[in-house]
Amino acid sequence: QVQLVESGGGLVQPGGSLRLSCAASRSIFAINIDTMGWYRQAPGKERDLVALMTNDYTTKYADSVKGRFTISRDNAKNAVYLQMNSLKPEDTAVYYCNAARPSWGIEYWGQGTQVTVSS
């Protein structure tokens, strides 16, 4: 079994920054993961992609976060990060770490970390 442990959420004012971290309990290569990323779910809404990065460092971002959020990975630490700048109230959500190999039907989720943007 693989665990994804997230940290870094919290309360921040509009325009502020937060950095989310997620570490897998096992080597991402040993568990055949080829994509790590972040999703978010606001109250009453579906869980949506925020950003992801493949093993070859290809990235994909939601249009709403382009230019403000940056995803990065440290494969030696089995970790993925999300640097969030210029935060807006509409970024408020529970953020979930995801590790997957979609072509094999492999997917793992973290427990979620709350991000609240409010003055």
C-alpha atoms as a PDB file:
ATOM      1  CA  GLN A   1       0.000   0.000   0.000  1.00  0.00           C
ATOM      2  CA  VAL A   2       1.140   3.539  -0.741  1.00  0.00           C
ATOM      3  CA  GLN A   3       0.428   6.599   1.354  1.00  0.00           C
ATOM      4  CA  LEU A   4       0.611  10.175   0.137  1.00  0.00           C
ATOM      5  CA  VAL A   5       1.176  12.643   2.955  1.00  0.00           C
ATOM      6  CA  GLU A   6       0.387  16.295   2.286  1.00  0.00           C
ATOM      7  CA  SER A   7       1.369  19.389   4.195  1.00  0.00           C
ATOM      8  CA  GLY A   8       1.440  23.141   3.782  1.00  0.00           C
ATOM      9  CA  GLY A   9      -2.197  24.175   3.700  1.00  0.00           C
ATOM     10  CA  GLY A  10      -3.634  26.943   5.817  1.00  0.00           C
ATOM     11  CA  LEU A  11      -5.225  30.368   5.899  1.00  0.00           C
ATOM     12  CA  VAL A  12      -3.752  33.133   3.764  1.00  0.00           C
ATOM     13  CA  GLN A  13      -4.879  36.583   2.695  1.00  0.00           C
ATOM     14  CA  PRO A  14      -5.692  37.362  -0.934  1.00  0.00           C
ATOM     15  CA  GLY A  15      -2.499  37.985  -2.857  1.00  0.00           C
ATOM     16  CA  GLY A  16      -0.502  35.781  -0.534  1.00  0.00           C
ATOM     17  CA  SER A  17       1.422  32.580  -1.163  1.00  0.00           C
ATOM     18  CA  LEU A  18       1.473  29.010   0.085  1.00  0.00           C
ATOM     19  CA  ARG A  19       3.550  25.972  -0.783  1.00  0.00           C
ATOM     20  CA  LEU A  20       2.011  22.530  -0.627  1.00  0.00           C
ATOM     21  CA  SER A  21       4.134  19.416  -0.260  1.00  0.00           C
ATOM     22  CA  CYS A  22       3.306  15.762  -0.810  1.00  0.00           C
ATOM     23  CA  ALA A  23       5.532  12.774  -0.194  1.00  0.00           C
ATOM     24  CA  ALA A  24       4.866   9.172  -1.138  1.00  0.00           C
ATOM     25  CA  SER A  25       5.687   6.418   1.340  1.00  0.00           C
ATOM     26  CA  ARG A  26       7.359   4.314  -1.350  1.00  0.00           C
ATOM     27  CA  SER A  27       9.480   4.936  -4.397  1.00  0.00           C
ATOM     28  CA  ILE A  28       7.302   6.271  -7.197  1.00  0.00           C
ATOM     29  CA  PHE A  29       9.264   4.176  -9.640  1.00  0.00           C
ATOM     30  CA  ALA A  30       8.801   1.007  -7.588  1.00  0.00           C
ATOM     31  CA  ILE A  31       5.029   1.535  -7.642  1.00  0.00           C
ATOM     32  CA  ASN A  32       5.007   2.319 -11.374  1.00  0.00           C
ATOM     33  CA  ILE A  33       3.811   5.898 -11.087  1.00  0.00           C
ATOM     34  CA  ASP A  34       4.330   8.155 -14.098  1.00  0.00           C
ATOM     35  CA  THR A  35       2.307  11.229 -13.052  1.00  0.00           C
ATOM     36  CA  MET A  36       2.080  13.234  -9.841  1.00  0.00           C
ATOM     37  CA  GLY A  37      -0.165  16.180  -9.352  1.00  0.00           C
ATOM     38  CA  TRP A  38      -2.647  18.209  -7.386  1.00  0.00           C
ATOM     39  CA  TYR A  39      -6.416  18.415  -7.524  1.00  0.00           C
ATOM     40  CA  ARG A  40      -8.796  20.552  -5.525  1.00  0.00           C
ATOM     41  CA  GLN A  41     -12.382  20.391  -4.408  1.00  0.00           C
ATOM     42  CA  ALA A  42     -14.394  23.355  -3.208  1.00  0.00           C
ATOM     43  CA  PRO A  43     -17.618  22.886  -1.220  1.00  0.00           C
ATOM     44  CA  GLY A  44     -20.430  21.711  -3.459  1.00  0.00           C
ATOM     45  CA  LYS A  45     -18.155  21.287  -6.465  1.00  0.00           C
ATOM     46  CA  GLU A  46     -16.383  18.437  -8.193  1.00  0.00           C
ATOM     47  CA  ARG A  47     -12.731  17.598  -7.695  1.00  0.00           C
ATOM     48  CA  ASP A  48     -10.760  19.265 -10.493  1.00  0.00           C
ATOM     49  CA  LEU A  49      -7.213  19.135 -11.743  1.00  0.00           C
ATOM     50  CA  VAL A  50      -4.956  21.966 -10.598  1.00  0.00           C
ATOM     51  CA  ALA A  51      -1.603  20.835 -11.987  1.00  0.00           C
ATOM     52  CA  LEU A  52       0.290  17.676 -12.825  1.00  0.00           C
ATOM     53  CA  MET A  53       3.773  16.669 -13.888  1.00  0.00           C
ATOM     54  CA  THR A  54       4.801  13.480 -15.657  1.00  0.00           C
ATOM     55  CA  ASN A  55       8.041  11.578 -15.127  1.00  0.00           C
ATOM     56  CA  ASP A  56       9.546  13.391 -18.125  1.00  0.00           C
ATOM     57  CA  TYR A  57       8.625  16.715 -16.497  1.00  0.00           C
ATOM     58  CA  THR A  58       5.775  17.568 -18.846  1.00  0.00           C
ATOM     59  CA  THR A  59       3.312  19.806 -17.022  1.00  0.00           C
ATOM     60  CA  LYS A  60      -0.364  20.580 -17.301  1.00  0.00           C
ATOM     61  CA  TYR A  61      -2.192  23.362 -15.471  1.00  0.00           C
ATOM     62  CA  ALA A  62      -5.780  24.404 -15.061  1.00  0.00           C
ATOM     63  CA  ASP A  63      -6.383  27.642 -16.940  1.00  0.00           C
ATOM     64  CA  SER A  64      -7.441  29.356 -13.712  1.00  0.00           C
ATOM     65  CA  VAL A  65      -3.997  28.884 -12.109  1.00  0.00           C
ATOM     66  CA  LYS A  66      -1.646  29.398 -15.057  1.00  0.00           C
ATOM     67  CA  GLY A  67       0.966  32.014 -14.268  1.00  0.00           C
ATOM     68  CA  ARG A  68       0.238  31.860 -10.527  1.00  0.00           C
ATOM     69  CA  PHE A  69       0.903  28.237  -9.510  1.00  0.00           C
ATOM     70  CA  THR A  70       3.997  26.160 -10.191  1.00  0.00           C
ATOM     71  CA  ILE A  71       4.299  22.410  -9.800  1.00  0.00           C
ATOM     72  CA  SER A  72       7.624  20.717  -9.166  1.00  0.00           C
ATOM     73  CA  ARG A  73       8.905  17.282  -8.253  1.00  0.00           C
ATOM     74  CA  ASP A  74      11.811  15.762  -6.381  1.00  0.00           C
ATOM     75  CA  ASN A  75      11.918  12.148  -7.477  1.00  0.00           C
ATOM     76  CA  ALA A  76      14.715  11.318  -5.041  1.00  0.00           C
ATOM     77  CA  LYS A  77      12.304  12.232  -2.238  1.00  0.00           C
ATOM     78  CA  ASN A  78       9.240  10.791  -3.987  1.00  0.00           C
ATOM     79  CA  ALA A  79       7.710  14.220  -3.559  1.00  0.00           C
ATOM     80  CA  VAL A  80       5.651  16.749  -5.469  1.00  0.00           C
ATOM     81  CA  TYR A  81       5.170  20.393  -4.573  1.00  0.00           C
ATOM     82  CA  LEU A  82       2.772  23.160  -5.517  1.00  0.00           C
ATOM     83  CA  GLN A  83       3.895  26.754  -5.155  1.00  0.00           C
ATOM     84  CA  MET A  84       0.825  28.966  -5.100  1.00  0.00           C
ATOM     85  CA  ASN A  85       1.256  32.709  -5.560  1.00  0.00           C
ATOM     86  CA  SER A  86      -1.211  35.577  -5.965  1.00  0.00           C
ATOM     87  CA  LEU A  87      -3.862  33.522  -4.225  1.00  0.00           C
ATOM     88  CA  LYS A  88      -7.494  34.458  -4.703  1.00  0.00           C
ATOM     89  CA  PRO A  89     -10.585  33.672  -2.612  1.00  0.00           C
ATOM     90  CA  GLU A  90     -11.746  31.355  -5.390  1.00  0.00           C
ATOM     91  CA  ASP A  91      -8.670  29.198  -4.784  1.00  0.00           C
ATOM     92  CA  THR A  92     -10.200  28.165  -1.465  1.00  0.00           C
ATOM     93  CA  ALA A  93     -10.614  24.388  -1.480  1.00  0.00           C
ATOM     94  CA  VAL A  94      -9.303  21.116  -0.152  1.00  0.00           C
ATOM     95  CA  TYR A  95      -6.208  20.254  -2.153  1.00  0.00           C
ATOM     96  CA  TYR A  96      -5.437  16.602  -2.833  1.00  0.00           C
ATOM     97  CA  CYS A  97      -2.170  15.058  -3.916  1.00  0.00           C
ATOM     98  CA  ASN A  98      -2.436  12.426  -6.641  1.00  0.00           C
ATOM     99  CA  ALA A  99       0.009   9.832  -7.928  1.00  0.00           C
ATOM    100  CA  ALA A 100      -1.019   7.752 -10.917  1.00  0.00           C
ATOM    101  CA  ARG A 101      -0.250   5.692 -13.959  1.00  0.00           C
ATOM    102  CA  PRO A 102      -3.503   6.202 -15.841  1.00  0.00           C
ATOM    103  CA  SER A 103      -2.686   3.720 -18.610  1.00  0.00           C
ATOM    104  CA  TRP A 104      -2.419   0.944 -16.008  1.00  0.00           C
ATOM    105  CA  GLY A 105      -5.349   2.086 -13.908  1.00  0.00           C
ATOM    106  CA  ILE A 106      -3.107   2.873 -10.948  1.00  0.00           C
ATOM    107  CA  GLU A 107      -4.059   5.818  -8.763  1.00  0.00           C
ATOM    108  CA  TYR A 108      -3.372   6.978  -5.221  1.00  0.00           C
ATOM    109  CA  TRP A 109      -4.752   9.948  -3.284  1.00  0.00           C
ATOM    110  CA  GLY A 110      -3.633  11.894  -0.267  1.00  0.00           C
ATOM    111  CA  GLN A 111      -5.975  12.780   2.569  1.00  0.00           C
ATOM    112  CA  GLY A 112      -6.295  16.409   1.480  1.00  0.00           C
ATOM    113  CA  THR A 113      -5.150  19.698   2.954  1.00  0.00           C
ATOM    114  CA  GLN A 114      -7.359  22.766   3.387  1.00  0.00           C
ATOM    115  CA  VAL A 115      -6.389  26.023   1.715  1.00  0.00           C
ATOM    116  CA  THR A 116      -8.447  29.062   2.676  1.00  0.00           C
ATOM    117  CA  VAL A 117      -7.905  32.438   1.038  1.00  0.00           C
ATOM    118  CA  SER A 118      -9.661  35.146   2.967  1.00  0.00           C
ATOM    119  CA  SER A 119      -9.104  38.565   4.440  1.00  0.00           C
END
